Amino acid sequence: MKNEIKERIFILATKKSQEYEGTTYCIGVFKLGTRCMEFILGETDNDRQYKRGDEVTYIYNADYTSDLQIALDWLNNAK
């Protein structure tokens, strides 16, 4: 069970774009609960309204960081 969580991506936060209609930016968490945990910065697929804790299979236009503050700054500055 523990290995299953490590290989999944969970939504930490989302923000709708003010510039691009239909675009939602997000921060995902990969390898949750490990020392190798990564934050994935990118866009959701917009098939539905995601909320914190939802599992996703993919984050589009992704970039990665291990620093939560960098991830939060990126999302706060996304337009």
N, C-alpha and C. Protein backbone atom coordinates (compact mmCIF):
# COMPACT_ATOMS: atom_id res chain seq x y z
N MET A 1 0.82 -1.20 0.00
CA MET A 1 0.00 0.00 0.00
C MET A 1 0.87 1.26 0.00
N LYS A 2 1.94 1.26 0.79
CA LYS A 2 2.79 2.43 0.89
C LYS A 2 3.43 2.78 -0.45
N ASN A 3 3.87 1.78 -1.21
CA ASN A 3 4.46 2.03 -2.53
C ASN A 3 3.46 2.62 -3.50
N GLU A 4 2.19 2.28 -3.37
CA GLU A 4 1.16 2.82 -4.26
C GLU A 4 1.06 4.33 -4.10
N ILE A 5 1.14 4.84 -2.89
CA ILE A 5 1.04 6.28 -2.66
C ILE A 5 2.23 7.00 -3.28
N LYS A 6 3.41 6.42 -3.19
CA LYS A 6 4.62 7.05 -3.71
C LYS A 6 4.54 7.28 -5.22
N GLU A 7 3.87 6.43 -5.94
CA GLU A 7 3.84 6.50 -7.40
C GLU A 7 2.64 7.28 -7.94
N ARG A 8 1.89 7.91 -7.06
CA ARG A 8 0.70 8.64 -7.49
C ARG A 8 0.93 10.14 -7.36
N ILE A 9 0.12 10.92 -8.08
CA ILE A 9 0.19 12.38 -8.05
C ILE A 9 -1.11 12.90 -7.43
N PHE A 10 -0.98 13.76 -6.43
CA PHE A 10 -2.14 14.34 -5.78
C PHE A 10 -2.09 15.86 -5.93
N ILE A 11 -3.26 16.47 -6.13
CA ILE A 11 -3.35 17.92 -6.26
C ILE A 11 -3.18 18.56 -4.89
N LEU A 12 -2.28 19.54 -4.81
CA LEU A 12 -2.08 20.31 -3.59
C LEU A 12 -2.84 21.63 -3.66
N ALA A 13 -2.83 22.26 -4.84
CA ALA A 13 -3.50 23.56 -5.00
C ALA A 13 -3.78 23.80 -6.47
N THR A 14 -4.82 24.61 -6.75
CA THR A 14 -5.15 25.00 -8.12
C THR A 14 -5.44 26.50 -8.17
N LYS A 15 -5.34 27.05 -9.39
CA LYS A 15 -5.65 28.46 -9.62
C LYS A 15 -6.06 28.62 -11.07
N LYS A 16 -7.22 29.18 -11.30
CA LYS A 16 -7.69 29.42 -12.66
C LYS A 16 -6.93 30.61 -13.26
N SER A 17 -6.55 30.48 -14.51
CA SER A 17 -5.84 31.54 -15.20
C SER A 17 -6.75 32.73 -15.44
N GLN A 18 -6.22 33.92 -15.24
CA GLN A 18 -6.96 35.14 -15.53
C GLN A 18 -6.74 35.57 -16.99
N GLU A 19 -5.68 35.06 -17.61
CA GLU A 19 -5.35 35.44 -18.98
C GLU A 19 -5.87 34.46 -20.02
N TYR A 20 -5.90 33.18 -19.67
CA TYR A 20 -6.23 32.15 -20.65
C TYR A 20 -7.47 31.38 -20.20
N GLU A 21 -8.57 31.59 -20.89
CA GLU A 21 -9.81 30.92 -20.54
C GLU A 21 -9.65 29.40 -20.68
N GLY A 22 -10.12 28.68 -19.70
CA GLY A 22 -10.05 27.23 -19.73
C GLY A 22 -8.75 26.65 -19.22
N THR A 23 -7.84 27.49 -18.72
CA THR A 23 -6.58 27.01 -18.19
C THR A 23 -6.62 27.07 -16.67
N THR A 24 -6.24 25.97 -16.05
CA THR A 24 -6.13 25.92 -14.59
C THR A 24 -4.73 25.46 -14.23
N TYR A 25 -4.02 26.29 -13.50
CA TYR A 25 -2.69 25.95 -13.02
C TYR A 25 -2.80 25.13 -11.75
N CYS A 26 -1.81 24.29 -11.52
CA CYS A 26 -1.87 23.46 -10.32
C CYS A 26 -0.49 23.12 -9.80
N ILE A 27 -0.48 22.73 -8.54
CA ILE A 27 0.69 22.12 -7.92
C ILE A 27 0.27 20.70 -7.55
N GLY A 28 1.03 19.74 -8.02
CA GLY A 28 0.80 18.36 -7.65
C GLY A 28 1.93 17.86 -6.78
N VAL A 29 1.66 16.85 -5.98
CA VAL A 29 2.67 16.24 -5.12
C VAL A 29 2.92 14.82 -5.60
N PHE A 30 4.19 14.49 -5.83
CA PHE A 30 4.59 13.16 -6.28
C PHE A 30 5.53 12.57 -5.24
N LYS A 31 5.44 11.27 -5.03
CA LYS A 31 6.23 10.56 -4.02
C LYS A 31 5.93 11.10 -2.63
N LEU A 32 4.64 11.28 -2.35
CA LEU A 32 4.15 11.84 -1.10
C LEU A 32 4.67 11.04 0.09
N GLY A 33 5.16 11.77 1.09
CA GLY A 33 5.61 11.14 2.32
C GLY A 33 7.00 10.55 2.29
N THR A 34 7.75 10.83 1.24
CA THR A 34 9.12 10.31 1.16
C THR A 34 10.11 11.47 1.20
N ARG A 35 11.37 11.15 1.38
CA ARG A 35 12.41 12.18 1.34
C ARG A 35 12.62 12.70 -0.07
N CYS A 36 12.14 11.96 -1.06
CA CYS A 36 12.29 12.35 -2.46
C CYS A 36 11.03 13.03 -3.01
N MET A 37 10.16 13.51 -2.12
CA MET A 37 8.90 14.12 -2.55
C MET A 37 9.17 15.29 -3.49
N GLU A 38 8.39 15.37 -4.57
CA GLU A 38 8.54 16.44 -5.55
C GLU A 38 7.21 17.16 -5.72
N PHE A 39 7.31 18.43 -6.04
CA PHE A 39 6.14 19.23 -6.37
C PHE A 39 6.16 19.45 -7.87
N ILE A 40 5.03 19.19 -8.50
CA ILE A 40 4.91 19.32 -9.95
C ILE A 40 4.08 20.57 -10.25
N LEU A 41 4.65 21.47 -11.01
CA LEU A 41 3.99 22.73 -11.37
C LEU A 41 3.52 22.63 -12.80
N GLY A 42 2.26 22.91 -13.05
CA GLY A 42 1.76 22.82 -14.42
C GLY A 42 0.29 23.12 -14.53
N GLU A 43 -0.38 22.41 -15.44
CA GLU A 43 -1.80 22.65 -15.72
C GLU A 43 -2.58 21.35 -15.63
N THR A 44 -3.84 21.45 -15.18
CA THR A 44 -4.72 20.29 -15.17
C THR A 44 -5.32 20.10 -16.54
N ASP A 45 -5.99 18.98 -16.75
CA ASP A 45 -6.59 18.69 -18.05
C ASP A 45 -7.96 19.33 -18.24
N ASN A 46 -8.50 19.97 -17.21
CA ASN A 46 -9.78 20.68 -17.28
C ASN A 46 -10.97 19.78 -17.63
N ASP A 47 -10.83 18.47 -17.46
CA ASP A 47 -11.98 17.57 -17.66
C ASP A 47 -12.99 17.72 -16.54
N ARG A 48 -12.52 18.18 -15.41
CA ARG A 48 -13.42 18.37 -14.26
C ARG A 48 -12.80 19.39 -13.32
N GLN A 49 -13.53 19.74 -12.27
CA GLN A 49 -13.04 20.67 -11.26
C GLN A 49 -12.26 19.87 -10.23
N TYR A 50 -10.97 20.06 -10.18
CA TYR A 50 -10.15 19.36 -9.20
C TYR A 50 -10.13 20.11 -7.88
N LYS A 51 -9.99 19.34 -6.82
CA LYS A 51 -9.85 19.95 -5.50
C LYS A 51 -8.64 19.33 -4.81
N ARG A 52 -8.21 19.98 -3.76
CA ARG A 52 -7.03 19.50 -3.02
C ARG A 52 -7.22 18.04 -2.60
N GLY A 53 -6.19 17.25 -2.85
CA GLY A 53 -6.23 15.84 -2.48
C GLY A 53 -6.65 14.91 -3.59
N ASP A 54 -7.23 15.45 -4.67
CA ASP A 54 -7.63 14.61 -5.81
C ASP A 54 -6.39 13.99 -6.46
N GLU A 55 -6.56 12.77 -6.92
CA GLU A 55 -5.48 12.11 -7.64
C GLU A 55 -5.60 12.43 -9.13
N VAL A 56 -4.47 12.69 -9.77
CA VAL A 56 -4.43 12.91 -11.22
C VAL A 56 -3.37 11.98 -11.81
N THR A 57 -3.53 11.66 -13.06
CA THR A 57 -2.56 10.78 -13.71
C THR A 57 -1.46 11.56 -14.42
N TYR A 58 -1.73 12.84 -14.71
CA TYR A 58 -0.78 13.61 -15.50
C TYR A 58 -0.98 15.09 -15.24
N ILE A 59 0.10 15.85 -15.24
CA ILE A 59 0.04 17.31 -15.17
C ILE A 59 0.75 17.84 -16.42
N TYR A 60 0.05 18.68 -17.16
CA TYR A 60 0.55 19.18 -18.44
C TYR A 60 1.53 20.34 -18.24
N ASN A 61 2.44 20.49 -19.21
CA ASN A 61 3.43 21.57 -19.21
C ASN A 61 4.15 21.63 -17.86
N ALA A 62 4.57 20.47 -17.39
CA ALA A 62 5.08 20.33 -16.03
C ALA A 62 6.52 20.79 -15.86
N ASP A 63 6.78 21.30 -14.68
CA ASP A 63 8.11 21.59 -14.19
C ASP A 63 8.15 21.02 -12.77
N TYR A 64 9.32 20.77 -12.26
CA TYR A 64 9.46 20.07 -10.97
C TYR A 64 10.33 20.85 -10.01
N THR A 65 10.01 20.75 -8.72
CA THR A 65 10.85 21.31 -7.67
C THR A 65 10.68 20.48 -6.40
N SER A 66 11.68 20.51 -5.56
CA SER A 66 11.56 19.84 -4.26
C SER A 66 11.28 20.85 -3.16
N ASP A 67 11.15 22.11 -3.53
CA ASP A 67 10.96 23.20 -2.57
C ASP A 67 9.51 23.70 -2.62
N LEU A 68 8.79 23.51 -1.52
CA LEU A 68 7.38 23.92 -1.47
C LEU A 68 7.22 25.42 -1.68
N GLN A 69 8.11 26.24 -1.12
CA GLN A 69 7.97 27.69 -1.27
C GLN A 69 8.11 28.12 -2.73
N ILE A 70 9.01 27.49 -3.46
CA ILE A 70 9.15 27.78 -4.89
C ILE A 70 7.86 27.44 -5.62
N ALA A 71 7.26 26.30 -5.27
CA ALA A 71 6.00 25.88 -5.91
C ALA A 71 4.88 26.88 -5.62
N LEU A 72 4.77 27.31 -4.36
CA LEU A 72 3.73 28.26 -3.99
C LEU A 72 3.94 29.63 -4.65
N ASP A 73 5.18 30.07 -4.72
CA ASP A 73 5.49 31.34 -5.39
C ASP A 73 5.10 31.27 -6.87
N TRP A 74 5.42 30.13 -7.52
CA TRP A 74 5.08 29.95 -8.92
C TRP A 74 3.56 30.06 -9.12
N LEU A 75 2.80 29.38 -8.28
CA LEU A 75 1.34 29.41 -8.42
C LEU A 75 0.79 30.80 -8.15
N ASN A 76 1.29 31.47 -7.12
CA ASN A 76 0.82 32.82 -6.80
C ASN A 76 1.11 33.81 -7.90
N ASN A 77 2.19 33.59 -8.66
CA ASN A 77 2.56 34.51 -9.74
C ASN A 77 2.01 34.11 -11.10
N ALA A 78 1.38 32.95 -11.18
CA ALA A 78 0.80 32.51 -12.47
C ALA A 78 -0.37 33.42 -12.81
N LYS A 79 -0.46 33.77 -14.08
CA LYS A 79 -1.55 34.65 -14.52
C LYS A 79 -2.52 33.83 -15.29
